[in-house]
Amino acid sequence: MENPSRLSDEQQRAPRPLADAPHGRTLAIMLAHGFPNTMLDKLVNDRLATIQPGITIAWVAISEVGLQGLADTKA
């Protein structure tokens, strides 16, 4: 896993809209805004985000590691 304080530009781009949504965003919304499945899978694998399946939708939310990584890039 990469150091969360050294997020790539791509890794910083995806968690930002998630950080503003306390319950996450739907997978469909993330895909519609140009975040491909491969990027979302990488964020989950790097523990920067989580994907929680729902009954008819899946929610993507920023993880604690993702929040810390964003905070580290602002400092």
N, C-alpha and C. Protein backbone atom coordinates (compact mmCIF):
# COMPACT_ATOMS: atom_id res chain seq x y z
N MET A 1 0.84 -1.19 0.00
CA MET A 1 0.00 0.00 0.00
C MET A 1 0.88 1.24 0.00
N GLU A 2 0.46 2.25 -0.74
CA GLU A 2 1.21 3.49 -0.80
C GLU A 2 1.03 4.27 0.50
N ASN A 3 1.99 5.14 0.78
CA ASN A 3 1.89 6.00 1.94
C ASN A 3 0.73 6.98 1.73
N PRO A 4 -0.27 7.01 2.64
CA PRO A 4 -1.43 7.89 2.44
C PRO A 4 -1.07 9.36 2.36
N SER A 5 0.08 9.76 2.93
CA SER A 5 0.45 11.17 2.85
C SER A 5 1.03 11.53 1.49
N ARG A 6 1.22 10.54 0.64
CA ARG A 6 1.75 10.77 -0.71
C ARG A 6 0.74 10.29 -1.74
N LEU A 7 -0.42 10.87 -1.73
CA LEU A 7 -1.46 10.49 -2.68
C LEU A 7 -1.14 11.03 -4.06
N SER A 8 -1.37 10.22 -5.07
CA SER A 8 -1.21 10.69 -6.44
C SER A 8 -2.33 11.68 -6.75
N ASP A 9 -2.18 12.42 -7.84
CA ASP A 9 -3.23 13.36 -8.24
C ASP A 9 -4.56 12.62 -8.42
N GLU A 10 -4.49 11.43 -9.04
CA GLU A 10 -5.70 10.65 -9.26
C GLU A 10 -6.33 10.22 -7.93
N GLN A 11 -5.50 9.80 -6.98
CA GLN A 11 -6.01 9.38 -5.68
C GLN A 11 -6.59 10.55 -4.91
N GLN A 12 -6.07 11.74 -5.10
CA GLN A 12 -6.62 12.92 -4.43
C GLN A 12 -7.94 13.34 -5.05
N ARG A 13 -8.08 13.17 -6.35
CA ARG A 13 -9.28 13.61 -7.05
C ARG A 13 -10.52 12.84 -6.60
N ALA A 14 -10.44 11.55 -6.50
CA ALA A 14 -11.61 10.74 -6.19
C ALA A 14 -12.13 10.92 -4.76
N PRO A 15 -11.27 10.95 -3.73
CA PRO A 15 -11.81 11.08 -2.38
C PRO A 15 -12.43 12.43 -2.06
N ARG A 16 -12.07 13.48 -2.81
CA ARG A 16 -12.60 14.81 -2.47
C ARG A 16 -14.13 14.86 -2.46
N PRO A 17 -14.82 14.38 -3.50
CA PRO A 17 -16.29 14.43 -3.42
C PRO A 17 -16.83 13.49 -2.34
N LEU A 18 -16.07 12.48 -1.99
CA LEU A 18 -16.51 11.57 -0.94
C LEU A 18 -16.34 12.22 0.43
N ALA A 19 -15.32 13.03 0.60
CA ALA A 19 -15.08 13.70 1.88
C ALA A 19 -16.20 14.67 2.22
N ASP A 20 -16.87 15.19 1.20
CA ASP A 20 -17.97 16.13 1.41
C ASP A 20 -19.31 15.43 1.63
N ALA A 21 -19.33 14.10 1.56
CA ALA A 21 -20.57 13.34 1.69
C ALA A 21 -20.42 12.35 2.85
N PRO A 22 -20.94 12.69 4.04
CA PRO A 22 -20.71 11.85 5.21
C PRO A 22 -21.17 10.39 5.05
N HIS A 23 -22.15 10.16 4.21
CA HIS A 23 -22.65 8.79 4.01
C HIS A 23 -22.17 8.21 2.68
N GLY A 24 -21.29 8.95 2.01
CA GLY A 24 -20.78 8.49 0.73
C GLY A 24 -21.64 8.93 -0.44
N ARG A 25 -21.28 8.47 -1.60
CA ARG A 25 -22.01 8.74 -2.84
C ARG A 25 -22.32 7.40 -3.47
N THR A 26 -23.32 7.37 -4.31
CA THR A 26 -23.63 6.10 -4.96
C THR A 26 -22.56 5.79 -5.99
N LEU A 27 -22.38 4.51 -6.22
CA LEU A 27 -21.43 4.07 -7.24
C LEU A 27 -21.81 4.66 -8.59
N ALA A 28 -23.10 4.71 -8.89
CA ALA A 28 -23.56 5.27 -10.17
C ALA A 28 -23.15 6.73 -10.32
N ILE A 29 -23.25 7.51 -9.26
CA ILE A 29 -22.85 8.93 -9.31
C ILE A 29 -21.35 9.04 -9.55
N MET A 30 -20.58 8.22 -8.85
CA MET A 30 -19.13 8.27 -9.03
C MET A 30 -18.74 7.90 -10.46
N LEU A 31 -19.38 6.88 -11.00
CA LEU A 31 -19.11 6.49 -12.39
C LEU A 31 -19.53 7.59 -13.35
N ALA A 32 -20.68 8.22 -13.09
CA ALA A 32 -21.18 9.29 -13.96
C ALA A 32 -20.26 10.51 -13.95
N HIS A 33 -19.53 10.71 -12.86
CA HIS A 33 -18.61 11.84 -12.76
C HIS A 33 -17.20 11.48 -13.22
N GLY A 34 -17.07 10.36 -13.91
CA GLY A 34 -15.80 10.03 -14.55
C GLY A 34 -14.83 9.22 -13.73
N PHE A 35 -15.28 8.62 -12.66
CA PHE A 35 -14.42 7.77 -11.85
C PHE A 35 -14.63 6.32 -12.26
N PRO A 36 -13.73 5.74 -13.06
CA PRO A 36 -13.94 4.38 -13.55
C PRO A 36 -13.81 3.35 -12.43
N ASN A 37 -14.39 2.18 -12.69
CA ASN A 37 -14.32 1.09 -11.72
C ASN A 37 -12.90 0.78 -11.30
N THR A 38 -11.96 0.83 -12.25
CA THR A 38 -10.57 0.51 -11.91
C THR A 38 -10.00 1.47 -10.88
N MET A 39 -10.34 2.76 -10.99
CA MET A 39 -9.87 3.75 -10.02
C MET A 39 -10.51 3.50 -8.66
N LEU A 40 -11.81 3.24 -8.66
CA LEU A 40 -12.51 2.99 -7.39
C LEU A 40 -11.98 1.72 -6.73
N ASP A 41 -11.72 0.70 -7.52
CA ASP A 41 -11.15 -0.54 -6.98
C ASP A 41 -9.78 -0.27 -6.36
N LYS A 42 -8.97 0.55 -7.02
CA LYS A 42 -7.64 0.88 -6.49
C LYS A 42 -7.76 1.64 -5.18
N LEU A 43 -8.72 2.57 -5.09
CA LEU A 43 -8.92 3.31 -3.84
C LEU A 43 -9.30 2.36 -2.70
N VAL A 44 -10.15 1.38 -3.01
CA VAL A 44 -10.53 0.40 -2.00
C VAL A 44 -9.32 -0.46 -1.63
N ASN A 45 -8.57 -0.92 -2.62
CA ASN A 45 -7.39 -1.74 -2.34
C ASN A 45 -6.35 -0.98 -1.54
N ASP A 46 -6.25 0.33 -1.74
CA ASP A 46 -5.30 1.17 -1.00
C ASP A 46 -5.90 1.65 0.32
N ARG A 47 -7.09 1.18 0.65
CA ARG A 47 -7.83 1.51 1.89
C ARG A 47 -8.16 3.01 2.00
N LEU A 48 -8.30 3.69 0.86
CA LEU A 48 -8.66 5.11 0.86
C LEU A 48 -10.17 5.30 0.79
N ALA A 49 -10.89 4.26 0.42
CA ALA A 49 -12.35 4.32 0.31
C ALA A 49 -12.92 2.94 0.59
N THR A 50 -14.22 2.91 0.82
CA THR A 50 -14.92 1.65 1.00
C THR A 50 -16.10 1.61 0.03
N ILE A 51 -16.51 0.42 -0.33
CA ILE A 51 -17.72 0.25 -1.13
C ILE A 51 -18.63 -0.68 -0.36
N GLN A 52 -19.83 -0.21 -0.06
CA GLN A 52 -20.80 -0.98 0.68
C GLN A 52 -22.00 -1.27 -0.21
N PRO A 53 -22.22 -2.53 -0.54
CA PRO A 53 -23.38 -2.83 -1.38
C PRO A 53 -24.68 -2.60 -0.62
N GLY A 54 -25.65 -2.02 -1.30
CA GLY A 54 -26.98 -1.83 -0.75
C GLY A 54 -27.94 -2.79 -1.43
N ILE A 55 -29.19 -2.61 -1.19
CA ILE A 55 -30.19 -3.49 -1.80
C ILE A 55 -30.23 -3.30 -3.30
N THR A 56 -30.27 -2.05 -3.76
CA THR A 56 -30.31 -1.80 -5.20
C THR A 56 -29.17 -0.92 -5.69
N ILE A 57 -28.38 -0.36 -4.77
CA ILE A 57 -27.27 0.51 -5.14
C ILE A 57 -26.07 0.18 -4.27
N ALA A 58 -24.91 0.62 -4.69
CA ALA A 58 -23.70 0.49 -3.89
C ALA A 58 -23.23 1.89 -3.51
N TRP A 59 -22.81 2.06 -2.28
CA TRP A 59 -22.33 3.34 -1.78
C TRP A 59 -20.82 3.33 -1.70
N VAL A 60 -20.20 4.41 -2.16
CA VAL A 60 -18.76 4.58 -2.07
C VAL A 60 -18.52 5.69 -1.05
N ALA A 61 -17.68 5.41 -0.06
CA ALA A 61 -17.41 6.40 0.99
C ALA A 61 -15.92 6.48 1.24
N ILE A 62 -15.48 7.65 1.66
CA ILE A 62 -14.07 7.83 1.99
C ILE A 62 -13.80 7.12 3.31
N SER A 63 -12.61 6.56 3.42
CA SER A 63 -12.20 5.87 4.64
C SER A 63 -11.42 6.85 5.52
N GLU A 64 -11.14 6.42 6.74
CA GLU A 64 -10.32 7.24 7.63
C GLU A 64 -8.94 7.48 7.03
N VAL A 65 -8.39 6.45 6.39
CA VAL A 65 -7.08 6.59 5.75
C VAL A 65 -7.16 7.62 4.62
N GLY A 66 -8.25 7.59 3.85
CA GLY A 66 -8.44 8.56 2.78
C GLY A 66 -8.55 9.99 3.29
N LEU A 67 -9.30 10.17 4.39
CA LEU A 67 -9.41 11.50 5.00
C LEU A 67 -8.05 12.00 5.49
N GLN A 68 -7.30 11.10 6.12
CA GLN A 68 -5.97 11.49 6.61
C GLN A 68 -5.06 11.85 5.44
N GLY A 69 -5.15 11.10 4.35
CA GLY A 69 -4.32 11.40 3.18
C GLY A 69 -4.64 12.76 2.60
N LEU A 70 -5.93 13.12 2.56
CA LEU A 70 -6.31 14.45 2.07
C LEU A 70 -5.83 15.52 3.02
N ALA A 71 -5.95 15.29 4.31
CA ALA A 71 -5.48 16.28 5.29
C ALA A 71 -3.98 16.48 5.17
N ASP A 72 -3.24 15.41 4.94
CA ASP A 72 -1.79 15.51 4.82
C ASP A 72 -1.38 16.30 3.58
N THR A 73 -2.18 16.24 2.49
CA THR A 73 -1.82 16.96 1.28
C THR A 73 -2.12 18.45 1.41
N LYS A 74 -3.02 18.84 2.34
CA LYS A 74 -3.34 20.25 2.55
C LYS A 74 -2.31 20.94 3.44
N ALA A 75 -1.61 20.15 4.24
CA ALA A 75 -0.65 20.73 5.20
C ALA A 75 0.61 21.20 4.52
